[in-house]
Amino acid sequence: MSLITVRAAAGKLGVGYSTLKQWIYQGRVRTTQTAGGHHRISDVEIDRLTTRRAPTAPTAARQPAAAGLIVALSGRNRLRGYVEEVRSDGLLGQVRLRIGDQTLTAVITGDAIHELKLRRGDDAVAIIKSTEVKIARELDAPAEAAPPRKRRRARRAK
């Protein structure tokens, strides 16, 4: 079993260094500490974090008798994360999902929040189905630009 640094583990997991550090402080990631107090993560823990969990069969107590288990879904854009915040007010609710170092906010019905039993800290999957996707690129921030030079006016001969 080899141990790697938090920065290397963040690269393997595809999340930001600060995100992984927060997960460690929250107890979501198991680490070993060096004599100097630095965190190291084992390959086994990396595998645990990257493997997909098998869906558990619903129990009769959690599901109504008429509800079925979804075994496949046509949506391909699935983003796994954890619920950072849940707000519900009447008909609509807002769910904020943390995916790596990004945040996704979804507005769904209050009934859906209650049916899914969404709570802060739960694992969840956002499934995005859209007819239009826009892609953009950001420009690099320009270096400190020099102030514009003043032009000299040509003197006219009289």
Protein backbone atom coordinates (compact mmCIF):
# COMPACT_ATOMS: atom_id res chain seq x y z
CA MET A 1 0.00 0.00 0.00
CA SER A 2 1.54 3.27 -1.12
CA LEU A 3 0.75 6.68 0.29
CA ILE A 4 0.51 9.81 -1.85
CA THR A 5 0.26 13.51 -1.08
CA VAL A 6 -3.04 15.34 -0.94
CA ARG A 7 -2.14 17.34 -4.07
CA ALA A 8 -1.38 14.15 -6.05
CA ALA A 9 -4.58 12.53 -4.78
CA ALA A 10 -6.61 15.59 -5.81
CA GLY A 11 -5.17 15.24 -9.31
CA LYS A 12 -6.11 11.56 -9.47
CA LEU A 13 -9.63 12.28 -8.23
CA GLY A 14 -10.13 15.26 -10.52
CA VAL A 15 -10.99 17.67 -7.70
CA GLY A 16 -9.28 20.76 -6.36
CA TYR A 17 -6.66 20.57 -3.64
CA SER A 18 -8.73 22.76 -1.28
CA THR A 19 -11.83 20.61 -1.89
CA LEU A 20 -9.96 17.44 -0.94
CA LYS A 21 -8.53 19.13 2.17
CA GLN A 22 -12.08 20.09 3.24
CA TRP A 23 -13.22 16.49 2.72
CA ILE A 24 -10.34 15.36 4.95
CA TYR A 25 -11.28 17.85 7.68
CA GLN A 26 -14.93 16.77 7.44
CA GLY A 27 -13.91 13.12 7.86
CA ARG A 28 -15.14 12.08 4.40
CA VAL A 29 -11.64 10.94 3.36
CA ARG A 30 -9.44 8.68 5.48
CA THR A 31 -5.79 9.69 5.71
CA THR A 32 -2.58 8.86 7.51
CA GLN A 33 -0.58 11.68 9.07
CA THR A 34 3.18 11.91 8.93
CA ALA A 35 5.28 12.81 11.95
CA GLY A 36 5.20 16.40 10.67
CA GLY A 37 1.39 16.42 10.57
CA HIS A 38 1.02 16.16 6.78
CA HIS A 39 -1.84 14.08 5.39
CA ARG A 40 -1.13 11.14 3.09
CA ILE A 41 -3.79 9.15 1.25
CA SER A 42 -3.51 5.46 0.40
CA ASP A 43 -4.23 3.93 -3.01
CA VAL A 44 -7.00 1.90 -1.36
CA GLU A 45 -8.74 5.11 -0.25
CA ILE A 46 -8.38 6.59 -3.76
CA ASP A 47 -9.99 3.43 -5.16
CA ARG A 48 -12.80 3.69 -2.60
CA LEU A 49 -13.50 7.27 -3.63
CA THR A 50 -13.45 6.57 -7.37
CA THR A 51 -15.43 3.34 -7.54
CA ARG A 52 -19.12 3.60 -8.25
CA ARG A 53 -21.37 2.40 -5.49
CA ALA A 54 -23.80 -0.33 -6.42
CA PRO A 55 -27.39 0.82 -5.96
CA THR A 56 -29.04 -0.66 -2.92
CA ALA A 57 -32.42 -2.30 -3.26
CA PRO A 58 -35.18 -0.18 -1.77
CA THR A 59 -36.93 -1.56 1.24
CA ALA A 60 -40.70 -1.69 1.56
CA ALA A 61 -40.51 0.78 4.45
CA ARG A 62 -38.77 3.41 2.31
CA GLN A 63 -40.73 2.98 -0.94
CA PRO A 64 -44.45 2.90 -1.56
CA ALA A 65 -45.67 -0.45 -2.91
CA ALA A 66 -46.53 1.03 -6.35
CA ALA A 67 -43.08 2.59 -6.92
CA GLY A 68 -40.56 0.74 -9.08
CA LEU A 69 -36.78 0.72 -9.11
CA ILE A 70 -35.18 2.58 -12.01
CA VAL A 71 -32.56 0.28 -13.53
CA ALA A 72 -31.48 2.42 -16.50
CA LEU A 73 -31.74 6.01 -17.60
CA SER A 74 -31.13 7.49 -21.03
CA GLY A 75 -29.42 10.68 -19.78
CA ARG A 76 -25.66 10.50 -20.29
CA ASN A 77 -24.58 13.67 -18.54
CA ARG A 78 -24.42 12.50 -14.93
CA LEU A 79 -22.55 14.57 -12.40
CA ARG A 80 -21.89 12.98 -9.02
CA GLY A 81 -21.50 15.16 -5.97
CA TYR A 82 -22.82 15.85 -2.52
CA VAL A 83 -25.67 18.06 -1.39
CA GLU A 84 -24.32 21.30 0.01
CA GLU A 85 -27.63 23.04 0.69
CA VAL A 86 -31.38 22.32 0.47
CA ARG A 87 -34.04 25.01 0.61
CA SER A 88 -37.74 24.30 0.32
CA ASP A 89 -40.47 26.92 0.30
CA GLY A 90 -43.93 25.87 -0.77
CA LEU A 91 -44.11 24.49 -4.28
CA LEU A 92 -40.46 24.93 -5.25
CA GLY A 93 -37.16 24.08 -3.66
CA GLN A 94 -33.52 24.74 -4.38
CA VAL A 95 -30.75 22.15 -4.18
CA ARG A 96 -27.09 23.10 -4.32
CA LEU A 97 -24.84 20.22 -5.32
CA ARG A 98 -21.04 20.34 -4.89
CA ILE A 99 -19.27 18.55 -7.74
CA GLY A 100 -15.50 18.68 -7.26
CA ASP A 101 -14.66 22.37 -6.98
CA GLN A 102 -17.82 23.43 -8.85
CA THR A 103 -21.34 24.12 -7.59
CA LEU A 104 -24.53 23.23 -9.44
CA THR A 105 -27.83 24.77 -8.36
CA ALA A 106 -31.12 23.16 -9.37
CA VAL A 107 -34.66 24.37 -8.79
CA ILE A 108 -37.01 21.41 -8.34
CA THR A 109 -40.42 20.87 -6.79
CA GLY A 110 -40.75 20.68 -3.04
CA ASP A 111 -42.43 17.29 -3.49
CA ALA A 112 -39.33 15.96 -5.26
CA ILE A 113 -37.13 17.10 -2.38
CA HIS A 114 -39.37 15.25 0.09
CA GLU A 115 -39.60 12.10 -2.08
CA LEU A 116 -35.83 11.96 -2.53
CA LYS A 117 -35.32 12.78 1.16
CA LEU A 118 -32.52 15.16 0.24
CA ARG A 119 -30.49 16.42 3.17
CA ARG A 120 -27.28 18.38 3.45
CA GLY A 121 -24.26 16.06 3.12
CA ASP A 122 -26.09 13.36 1.13
CA ASP A 123 -24.53 11.96 -2.04
CA ALA A 124 -26.56 12.79 -5.13
CA VAL A 125 -26.39 12.69 -8.92
CA ALA A 126 -27.38 15.53 -11.23
CA ILE A 127 -28.63 14.25 -14.57
CA ILE A 128 -28.60 16.91 -17.25
CA LYS A 129 -30.78 16.54 -20.32
CA SER A 130 -30.75 19.51 -22.65
CA THR A 131 -31.39 20.25 -26.29
CA GLU A 132 -28.78 23.01 -26.35
CA VAL A 133 -25.31 23.24 -24.84
CA LYS A 134 -23.13 26.31 -25.14
CA ILE A 135 -19.37 26.19 -24.87
CA ALA A 136 -17.19 29.22 -24.12
CA ARG A 137 -13.54 29.99 -23.62
CA GLU A 138 -12.16 32.56 -21.26
CA LEU A 139 -9.35 34.85 -22.30
CA ASP A 140 -6.26 35.00 -20.16
CA ALA A 141 -6.22 38.11 -18.01
CA PRO A 142 -4.01 40.67 -19.78
CA ALA A 143 -0.83 41.67 -18.04
CA GLU A 144 -0.78 45.09 -16.47
CA ALA A 145 -1.19 47.28 -19.54
CA ALA A 146 0.91 50.40 -19.93
CA PRO A 147 -1.07 53.64 -20.03
CA PRO A 148 -1.84 54.79 -23.58
CA ARG A 149 0.65 57.21 -25.07
CA LYS A 150 -0.42 60.70 -25.98
CA ARG A 151 -0.06 61.56 -29.64
CA ARG A 152 1.77 64.61 -30.65
CA ARG A 153 0.01 66.78 -33.14
CA ALA A 154 1.94 67.64 -36.21
CA ARG A 155 2.60 71.36 -36.43
CA ARG A 156 1.34 72.99 -39.53
CA ALA A 157 3.58 75.31 -41.39
CA LYS A 158 2.10 78.78 -41.86
